[in-house]
Amino acid sequence: MSTQLFEDGLVRLYIDKIAALGVKALQGADVKPEVAAVVDEAAKHFAVVKTSTEIGNLRWFAGQLGLRAEISHPTQPQYRATFEHAKGLADALVKSKQT
């Protein structure tokens, strides 16, 4: 059995959780602690998955978070900020795993 670099479906699960938090942010909620918890949950899940690589999933996750931030509508800055915050956390995890 070969190992994939990343699993899009697995990563999408956590992207969707961040998106839901983005909606809460649009309603005025401070979601930073919850975003950090989701990123942590994702990283822990990526570390134990056997069918894809931890670093590959983390990189794909960070990239998808950045993409979602970029394509968010300009009238929804809180939504974009949620994805940007999550991307910053994911990028830090990628960097820590590379050293």
N, C-alpha and C. Protein backbone atom coordinates (compact mmCIF):
# COMPACT_ATOMS: atom_id res chain seq x y z
N MET A 1 0.85 -1.19 0.00
CA MET A 1 0.00 0.00 0.00
C MET A 1 0.89 1.24 0.00
N SER A 2 0.66 2.12 -0.95
CA SER A 2 1.46 3.33 -1.01
C SER A 2 0.80 4.46 -0.21
N THR A 3 1.62 5.40 0.17
CA THR A 3 1.15 6.54 0.96
C THR A 3 1.00 7.75 0.05
N GLN A 4 -0.14 8.38 0.10
CA GLN A 4 -0.37 9.62 -0.64
C GLN A 4 0.32 10.77 0.07
N LEU A 5 0.59 11.82 -0.68
CA LEU A 5 1.18 13.01 -0.07
C LEU A 5 0.16 13.69 0.85
N PHE A 6 -1.09 13.80 0.38
CA PHE A 6 -2.15 14.40 1.20
C PHE A 6 -3.48 13.79 0.81
N GLU A 7 -4.48 14.00 1.66
CA GLU A 7 -5.84 13.53 1.38
C GLU A 7 -6.77 14.73 1.36
N ASP A 8 -7.24 15.05 0.18
CA ASP A 8 -8.09 16.22 0.02
C ASP A 8 -9.36 16.15 0.87
N GLY A 9 -10.00 15.00 0.91
CA GLY A 9 -11.23 14.86 1.69
C GLY A 9 -11.01 15.09 3.17
N LEU A 10 -9.91 14.58 3.69
CA LEU A 10 -9.57 14.76 5.10
C LEU A 10 -9.32 16.24 5.39
N VAL A 11 -8.54 16.88 4.54
CA VAL A 11 -8.25 18.30 4.73
C VAL A 11 -9.53 19.12 4.61
N ARG A 12 -10.38 18.76 3.67
CA ARG A 12 -11.62 19.50 3.47
C ARG A 12 -12.51 19.47 4.72
N LEU A 13 -12.47 18.38 5.45
CA LEU A 13 -13.22 18.27 6.70
C LEU A 13 -12.87 19.43 7.64
N TYR A 14 -11.60 19.72 7.76
CA TYR A 14 -11.15 20.79 8.65
C TYR A 14 -11.34 22.18 8.04
N ILE A 15 -11.23 22.27 6.72
CA ILE A 15 -11.53 23.54 6.04
C ILE A 15 -12.99 23.92 6.31
N ASP A 16 -13.86 22.93 6.24
CA ASP A 16 -15.29 23.20 6.49
C ASP A 16 -15.53 23.67 7.93
N LYS A 17 -14.79 23.12 8.87
CA LYS A 17 -14.92 23.56 10.27
C LYS A 17 -14.48 25.01 10.42
N ILE A 18 -13.40 25.38 9.73
CA ILE A 18 -12.93 26.77 9.77
C ILE A 18 -13.96 27.68 9.10
N ALA A 19 -14.55 27.22 8.00
CA ALA A 19 -15.58 28.01 7.31
C ALA A 19 -16.78 28.28 8.24
N ALA A 20 -17.18 27.28 9.00
CA ALA A 20 -18.28 27.47 9.94
C ALA A 20 -17.91 28.51 11.00
N LEU A 21 -16.66 28.50 11.41
CA LEU A 21 -16.22 29.52 12.37
C LEU A 21 -16.18 30.90 11.72
N GLY A 22 -15.88 30.94 10.43
CA GLY A 22 -15.91 32.21 9.70
C GLY A 22 -17.29 32.82 9.70
N VAL A 23 -18.30 31.98 9.60
CA VAL A 23 -19.69 32.45 9.65
C VAL A 23 -19.98 33.03 11.04
N LYS A 24 -19.51 32.35 12.07
CA LYS A 24 -19.70 32.88 13.43
C LYS A 24 -19.00 34.23 13.58
N ALA A 25 -17.82 34.36 12.97
CA ALA A 25 -17.09 35.63 13.03
C ALA A 25 -17.87 36.74 12.35
N LEU A 26 -18.55 36.41 11.26
CA LEU A 26 -19.38 37.40 10.58
C LEU A 26 -20.50 37.91 11.47
N GLN A 27 -20.92 37.07 12.41
CA GLN A 27 -21.99 37.44 13.33
C GLN A 27 -21.44 38.15 14.57
N GLY A 28 -20.12 38.41 14.57
CA GLY A 28 -19.52 39.18 15.64
C GLY A 28 -18.80 38.38 16.71
N ALA A 29 -18.74 37.08 16.57
CA ALA A 29 -18.08 36.24 17.59
C ALA A 29 -16.57 36.30 17.45
N ASP A 30 -15.88 36.21 18.58
CA ASP A 30 -14.43 36.06 18.59
C ASP A 30 -14.15 34.57 18.49
N VAL A 31 -13.68 34.14 17.34
CA VAL A 31 -13.51 32.70 17.10
C VAL A 31 -12.05 32.25 17.15
N LYS A 32 -11.14 33.15 17.48
CA LYS A 32 -9.72 32.77 17.47
C LYS A 32 -9.40 31.55 18.32
N PRO A 33 -9.92 31.44 19.53
CA PRO A 33 -9.62 30.22 20.31
C PRO A 33 -10.16 28.95 19.64
N GLU A 34 -11.34 29.06 19.05
CA GLU A 34 -11.92 27.91 18.37
C GLU A 34 -11.14 27.55 17.10
N VAL A 35 -10.67 28.56 16.40
CA VAL A 35 -9.84 28.32 15.21
C VAL A 35 -8.57 27.58 15.61
N ALA A 36 -7.94 28.03 16.68
CA ALA A 36 -6.72 27.37 17.17
C ALA A 36 -7.01 25.92 17.54
N ALA A 37 -8.17 25.67 18.13
CA ALA A 37 -8.54 24.30 18.52
C ALA A 37 -8.74 23.42 17.29
N VAL A 38 -9.36 23.96 16.25
CA VAL A 38 -9.57 23.18 15.02
C VAL A 38 -8.24 22.89 14.34
N VAL A 39 -7.37 23.87 14.26
CA VAL A 39 -6.05 23.66 13.64
C VAL A 39 -5.28 22.60 14.43
N ASP A 40 -5.36 22.67 15.75
CA ASP A 40 -4.69 21.67 16.60
C ASP A 40 -5.28 20.28 16.37
N GLU A 41 -6.60 20.21 16.31
CA GLU A 41 -7.28 18.94 16.05
C GLU A 41 -6.85 18.36 14.70
N ALA A 42 -6.80 19.22 13.69
CA ALA A 42 -6.39 18.78 12.36
C ALA A 42 -4.96 18.24 12.38
N ALA A 43 -4.07 18.98 13.02
CA ALA A 43 -2.66 18.56 13.08
C ALA A 43 -2.51 17.22 13.77
N LYS A 44 -3.25 17.02 14.84
CA LYS A 44 -3.20 15.74 15.56
C LYS A 44 -3.74 14.61 14.68
N HIS A 45 -4.78 14.88 13.95
CA HIS A 45 -5.36 13.88 13.05
C HIS A 45 -4.37 13.56 11.92
N PHE A 46 -3.77 14.59 11.33
CA PHE A 46 -2.81 14.39 10.25
C PHE A 46 -1.61 13.57 10.71
N ALA A 47 -1.24 13.70 11.98
CA ALA A 47 -0.07 13.00 12.52
C ALA A 47 -0.29 11.50 12.65
N VAL A 48 -1.54 11.08 12.78
CA VAL A 48 -1.79 9.65 13.01
C VAL A 48 -2.34 8.92 11.79
N VAL A 49 -2.68 9.66 10.75
CA VAL A 49 -3.23 9.03 9.55
C VAL A 49 -2.12 8.22 8.86
N LYS A 50 -2.45 7.06 8.38
CA LYS A 50 -1.45 6.17 7.78
C LYS A 50 -1.45 6.19 6.26
N THR A 51 -2.49 6.73 5.64
CA THR A 51 -2.61 6.68 4.19
C THR A 51 -2.07 7.91 3.48
N SER A 52 -1.62 8.89 4.24
CA SER A 52 -1.02 10.10 3.66
C SER A 52 -0.02 10.66 4.66
N THR A 53 0.78 11.62 4.20
CA THR A 53 1.84 12.14 5.06
C THR A 53 1.36 13.31 5.92
N GLU A 54 1.91 13.38 7.10
CA GLU A 54 1.56 14.48 8.02
C GLU A 54 1.91 15.83 7.40
N ILE A 55 3.13 15.98 6.92
CA ILE A 55 3.57 17.27 6.38
C ILE A 55 2.81 17.61 5.10
N GLY A 56 2.52 16.61 4.29
CA GLY A 56 1.75 16.85 3.07
C GLY A 56 0.36 17.37 3.38
N ASN A 57 -0.29 16.75 4.36
CA ASN A 57 -1.62 17.22 4.76
C ASN A 57 -1.56 18.62 5.37
N LEU A 58 -0.55 18.88 6.18
CA LEU A 58 -0.41 20.21 6.77
C LEU A 58 -0.19 21.28 5.70
N ARG A 59 0.67 20.97 4.75
CA ARG A 59 0.94 21.94 3.67
C ARG A 59 -0.32 22.19 2.83
N TRP A 60 -1.02 21.12 2.48
CA TRP A 60 -2.24 21.26 1.69
C TRP A 60 -3.29 22.04 2.48
N PHE A 61 -3.40 21.76 3.76
CA PHE A 61 -4.33 22.48 4.64
C PHE A 61 -4.01 23.97 4.64
N ALA A 62 -2.75 24.32 4.86
CA ALA A 62 -2.34 25.73 4.88
C ALA A 62 -2.63 26.39 3.53
N GLY A 63 -2.32 25.69 2.46
CA GLY A 63 -2.57 26.24 1.13
C GLY A 63 -4.04 26.48 0.86
N GLN A 64 -4.87 25.53 1.26
CA GLN A 64 -6.31 25.67 1.05
C GLN A 64 -6.89 26.78 1.92
N LEU A 65 -6.37 26.93 3.12
CA LEU A 65 -6.80 28.04 3.98
C LEU A 65 -6.47 29.38 3.32
N GLY A 66 -5.27 29.47 2.77
CA GLY A 66 -4.87 30.71 2.09
C GLY A 66 -5.74 30.99 0.88
N LEU A 67 -6.04 29.95 0.13
CA LEU A 67 -6.90 30.11 -1.04
C LEU A 67 -8.29 30.60 -0.64
N ARG A 68 -8.84 29.99 0.39
CA ARG A 68 -10.17 30.41 0.86
C ARG A 68 -10.16 31.86 1.34
N ALA A 69 -9.07 32.28 1.98
CA ALA A 69 -8.96 33.67 2.40
C ALA A 69 -8.94 34.59 1.19
N GLU A 70 -8.16 34.23 0.18
CA GLU A 70 -8.03 35.06 -1.02
C GLU A 70 -9.34 35.21 -1.78
N ILE A 71 -10.13 34.15 -1.84
CA ILE A 71 -11.35 34.21 -2.65
C ILE A 71 -12.58 34.66 -1.86
N SER A 72 -12.38 34.95 -0.58
CA SER A 72 -13.54 35.42 0.20
C SER A 72 -13.96 36.80 -0.30
N HIS A 73 -15.22 37.08 -0.17
CA HIS A 73 -15.76 38.33 -0.68
C HIS A 73 -15.26 39.51 0.15
N PRO A 74 -14.89 40.60 -0.52
CA PRO A 74 -14.35 41.77 0.20
C PRO A 74 -15.30 42.36 1.24
N THR A 75 -16.59 42.09 1.12
CA THR A 75 -17.54 42.63 2.09
C THR A 75 -17.62 41.78 3.36
N GLN A 76 -16.77 40.72 3.42
CA GLN A 76 -16.78 39.82 4.57
C GLN A 76 -15.38 39.71 5.18
N PRO A 77 -14.85 40.82 5.70
CA PRO A 77 -13.48 40.80 6.21
C PRO A 77 -13.29 39.87 7.41
N GLN A 78 -14.32 39.68 8.22
CA GLN A 78 -14.20 38.79 9.38
C GLN A 78 -14.04 37.33 8.92
N TYR A 79 -14.73 36.99 7.85
CA TYR A 79 -14.64 35.64 7.28
C TYR A 79 -13.21 35.41 6.77
N ARG A 80 -12.71 36.38 6.03
CA ARG A 80 -11.34 36.30 5.50
C ARG A 80 -10.34 36.22 6.64
N ALA A 81 -10.51 37.03 7.66
CA ALA A 81 -9.59 37.05 8.80
C ALA A 81 -9.55 35.70 9.51
N THR A 82 -10.67 35.01 9.54
CA THR A 82 -10.72 33.68 10.16
C THR A 82 -9.80 32.72 9.42
N PHE A 83 -9.90 32.72 8.11
CA PHE A 83 -9.03 31.85 7.30
C PHE A 83 -7.57 32.28 7.38
N GLU A 84 -7.33 33.57 7.40
CA GLU A 84 -5.94 34.06 7.51
C GLU A 84 -5.32 33.65 8.84
N HIS A 85 -6.10 33.74 9.91
CA HIS A 85 -5.60 33.33 11.23
C HIS A 85 -5.28 31.84 11.23
N ALA A 86 -6.19 31.04 10.70
CA ALA A 86 -5.96 29.59 10.63
C ALA A 86 -4.73 29.27 9.78
N LYS A 87 -4.56 29.99 8.68
CA LYS A 87 -3.40 29.76 7.80
C LYS A 87 -2.11 30.08 8.54
N GLY A 88 -2.10 31.16 9.30
CA GLY A 88 -0.91 31.52 10.07
C GLY A 88 -0.54 30.42 11.06
N LEU A 89 -1.53 29.87 11.71
CA LEU A 89 -1.29 28.78 12.66
C LEU A 89 -0.79 27.53 11.94
N ALA A 90 -1.40 27.21 10.81
CA ALA A 90 -1.00 26.03 10.03
C ALA A 90 0.41 26.21 9.47
N ASP A 91 0.72 27.41 8.98
CA ASP A 91 2.07 27.69 8.47
C ASP A 91 3.12 27.50 9.56
N ALA A 92 2.81 27.93 10.77
CA ALA A 92 3.75 27.76 11.89
C ALA A 92 3.97 26.29 12.18
N LEU A 93 2.93 25.48 12.08
CA LEU A 93 3.08 24.04 12.29
C LEU A 93 3.95 23.41 11.20
N VAL A 94 3.73 23.81 9.95
CA VAL A 94 4.55 23.31 8.84
C VAL A 94 6.01 23.65 9.10
N LYS A 95 6.25 24.88 9.46
CA LYS A 95 7.64 25.31 9.73
C LYS A 95 8.25 24.52 10.86
N SER A 96 7.50 24.28 11.91
CA SER A 96 8.05 23.53 13.06
C SER A 96 8.33 22.07 12.70
N LYS A 97 7.58 21.51 11.76
CA LYS A 97 7.78 20.12 11.36
C LYS A 97 8.96 19.96 10.40
N GLN A 98 9.35 21.05 9.76
CA GLN A 98 10.44 21.00 8.80
C GLN A 98 11.80 21.15 9.45
N THR A 99 11.84 21.61 10.67
CA THR A 99 13.14 21.83 11.31
C THR A 99 13.55 20.67 12.18
